[in-house]
């Protein structure tokens, strides 16, 4: 079972639980060697393995005026269930008030699409995807 916790971008607990992963060369390679960043404008959604309190994924979300930007995430083993749990938590917490914009690595497009995100721009290794509460309600 996975549990999701949200942590503010400068909260000391965030550094304690995320630093071992964000400094791990394997996790940095997963992120195409792009360093993770945070500030007071970020909320991090962290996925924990309930059985042993291991962090198995995270998505930092940068809060802007009308959008929340998901970027530079990590999910152990690209597990689609963990991705889904994180995206559900983010949509539940922020979706009614913000358009969610995600910079998604191309191997992860399917899981974002299955969670209602639509592609709005394509690059070589990434796509920009969006999800909005209004669009999701129109589909129902």
Protein backbone atom coordinates (compact mmCIF):
# COMPACT_ATOMS: atom_id res chain seq x y z
CA UNK A 1 0.00 0.00 0.00
CA UNK A 2 1.24 3.48 -0.88
CA UNK A 3 0.67 6.60 1.19
CA UNK A 4 1.10 10.12 -0.16
CA UNK A 5 2.39 13.04 1.89
CA UNK A 6 2.66 16.67 0.81
CA UNK A 7 5.57 18.76 2.04
CA UNK A 8 6.28 22.46 1.56
CA UNK A 9 9.29 23.33 -0.58
CA UNK A 10 11.50 24.60 2.25
CA UNK A 11 10.25 22.33 5.02
CA UNK A 12 13.14 20.65 6.85
CA UNK A 13 11.41 17.25 6.71
CA UNK A 14 11.41 17.48 2.90
CA UNK A 15 15.21 17.67 2.87
CA UNK A 16 15.46 14.72 5.26
CA UNK A 17 13.30 12.39 3.18
CA UNK A 18 14.16 13.54 -0.36
CA UNK A 19 17.90 14.34 -0.20
CA UNK A 20 19.06 10.69 -0.35
CA UNK A 21 17.14 10.28 -3.62
CA UNK A 22 17.82 13.65 -5.24
CA UNK A 23 21.55 13.18 -4.69
CA UNK A 24 21.55 9.57 -5.93
CA UNK A 25 23.29 9.26 -9.34
CA UNK A 26 20.71 6.66 -10.47
CA UNK A 27 17.82 9.02 -9.67
CA UNK A 28 19.61 11.93 -11.35
CA UNK A 29 20.05 9.79 -14.50
CA UNK A 30 16.31 8.99 -14.31
CA UNK A 31 15.78 12.77 -14.45
CA UNK A 32 18.08 13.07 -17.50
CA UNK A 33 20.81 14.47 -15.21
CA UNK A 34 18.78 17.58 -14.49
CA UNK A 35 19.14 18.61 -10.82
CA UNK A 36 16.07 18.83 -8.63
CA UNK A 37 15.19 22.25 -7.26
CA UNK A 38 12.81 23.67 -4.72
CA UNK A 39 11.74 26.95 -3.17
CA UNK A 40 8.92 28.36 -1.05
CA UNK A 41 6.75 28.15 -4.20
CA UNK A 42 6.91 24.34 -4.32
CA UNK A 43 4.80 21.62 -2.79
CA UNK A 44 6.32 18.15 -3.00
CA UNK A 45 4.08 15.09 -3.16
CA UNK A 46 5.98 12.12 -1.75
CA UNK A 47 4.93 8.48 -2.13
CA UNK A 48 5.84 6.12 0.70
CA UNK A 49 5.77 2.35 0.81
CA UNK A 50 3.51 1.76 3.81
CA UNK A 51 5.21 -1.45 4.87
CA UNK A 52 8.72 -0.09 5.44
CA UNK A 53 8.53 3.73 5.14
CA UNK A 54 10.62 3.78 1.97
CA UNK A 55 10.17 6.74 -0.37
CA UNK A 56 9.18 5.25 -3.73
CA UNK A 57 8.43 8.42 -5.65
CA UNK A 58 7.89 12.14 -5.59
CA UNK A 59 6.56 14.97 -7.72
CA UNK A 60 7.60 18.56 -6.98
CA UNK A 61 4.86 21.01 -7.98
CA UNK A 62 5.74 24.64 -8.55
CA UNK A 63 2.82 26.88 -7.63
CA UNK A 64 2.24 29.81 -9.98
CA UNK A 65 -0.68 32.23 -10.27
CA UNK A 66 -3.08 30.08 -12.26
CA UNK A 67 -1.13 26.91 -12.86
CA UNK A 68 0.67 24.29 -10.88
CA UNK A 69 3.68 22.89 -12.76
CA UNK A 70 4.71 19.25 -12.27
CA UNK A 71 8.31 18.73 -13.31
CA UNK A 72 11.41 16.69 -12.48
CA UNK A 73 9.64 13.82 -10.78
CA UNK A 74 10.82 10.34 -9.78
CA UNK A 75 8.94 7.05 -9.45
CA UNK A 76 10.83 3.87 -8.57
CA UNK A 77 10.66 1.35 -11.38
CA UNK A 78 8.33 3.65 -13.36
CA UNK A 79 5.53 1.95 -11.43
CA UNK A 80 2.24 3.14 -13.01
CA UNK A 81 0.29 2.60 -9.78
CA UNK A 82 2.61 4.93 -7.87
CA UNK A 83 2.39 7.51 -10.67
CA UNK A 84 -1.39 7.25 -10.54
CA UNK A 85 -1.53 7.58 -6.75
CA UNK A 86 0.65 10.71 -6.92
CA UNK A 87 -1.38 12.25 -9.74
CA UNK A 88 -4.68 11.52 -7.98
CA UNK A 89 -3.38 13.21 -4.81
CA UNK A 90 -2.18 16.26 -6.75
CA UNK A 91 -5.45 16.58 -8.68
CA UNK A 92 -7.46 16.25 -5.47
CA UNK A 93 -5.41 18.89 -3.64
CA UNK A 94 -4.90 21.43 -6.42
CA UNK A 95 -7.10 20.56 -9.38
CA UNK A 96 -10.13 22.71 -8.59
CA UNK A 97 -8.01 25.84 -8.25
CA UNK A 98 -5.18 25.42 -10.76
CA UNK A 99 -4.56 24.18 -14.26
CA UNK A 100 -2.04 21.37 -13.86
CA UNK A 101 0.83 21.56 -16.34
CA UNK A 102 3.27 18.68 -16.49
CA UNK A 103 6.61 18.37 -18.20
CA UNK A 104 6.56 14.63 -18.88
CA UNK A 105 9.33 12.35 -20.07
CA UNK A 106 8.21 10.54 -23.22
CA UNK A 107 8.24 7.06 -21.60
CA UNK A 108 5.63 8.29 -19.10
CA UNK A 109 3.12 9.82 -21.52
CA UNK A 110 0.75 6.84 -21.26
CA UNK A 111 0.36 7.01 -17.50
CA UNK A 112 -0.35 10.74 -17.62
CA UNK A 113 -2.86 10.23 -20.45
CA UNK A 114 -4.60 7.51 -18.42
CA UNK A 115 -4.91 10.11 -15.65
CA UNK A 116 -6.61 12.63 -17.92
CA UNK A 117 -3.66 14.77 -19.06
CA UNK A 118 -3.56 16.00 -22.67
CA UNK A 119 -0.48 16.79 -24.73
CA UNK A 120 -0.14 20.46 -25.66
CA UNK A 121 3.47 20.58 -26.89
CA UNK A 122 6.14 18.04 -27.88
CA UNK A 123 9.92 18.16 -27.65
CA UNK A 124 12.51 15.45 -28.25
CA UNK A 125 12.61 13.89 -24.75
CA UNK A 126 9.60 15.56 -23.14
CA UNK A 127 6.03 16.62 -23.75
CA UNK A 128 4.07 19.35 -22.04
CA UNK A 129 0.73 18.04 -20.83
CA UNK A 130 -2.22 19.71 -19.11
CA UNK A 131 -5.10 18.70 -16.90
CA UNK A 132 -7.85 21.00 -15.72
CA UNK A 133 -10.82 20.39 -13.50
CA UNK A 134 -13.18 22.02 -16.02
CA UNK A 135 -11.98 19.81 -18.88
CA UNK A 136 -12.23 16.73 -16.69
CA UNK A 137 -15.82 17.64 -15.73
CA UNK A 138 -16.76 18.11 -19.40
CA UNK A 139 -15.69 14.51 -20.10
CA UNK A 140 -18.03 13.08 -17.46
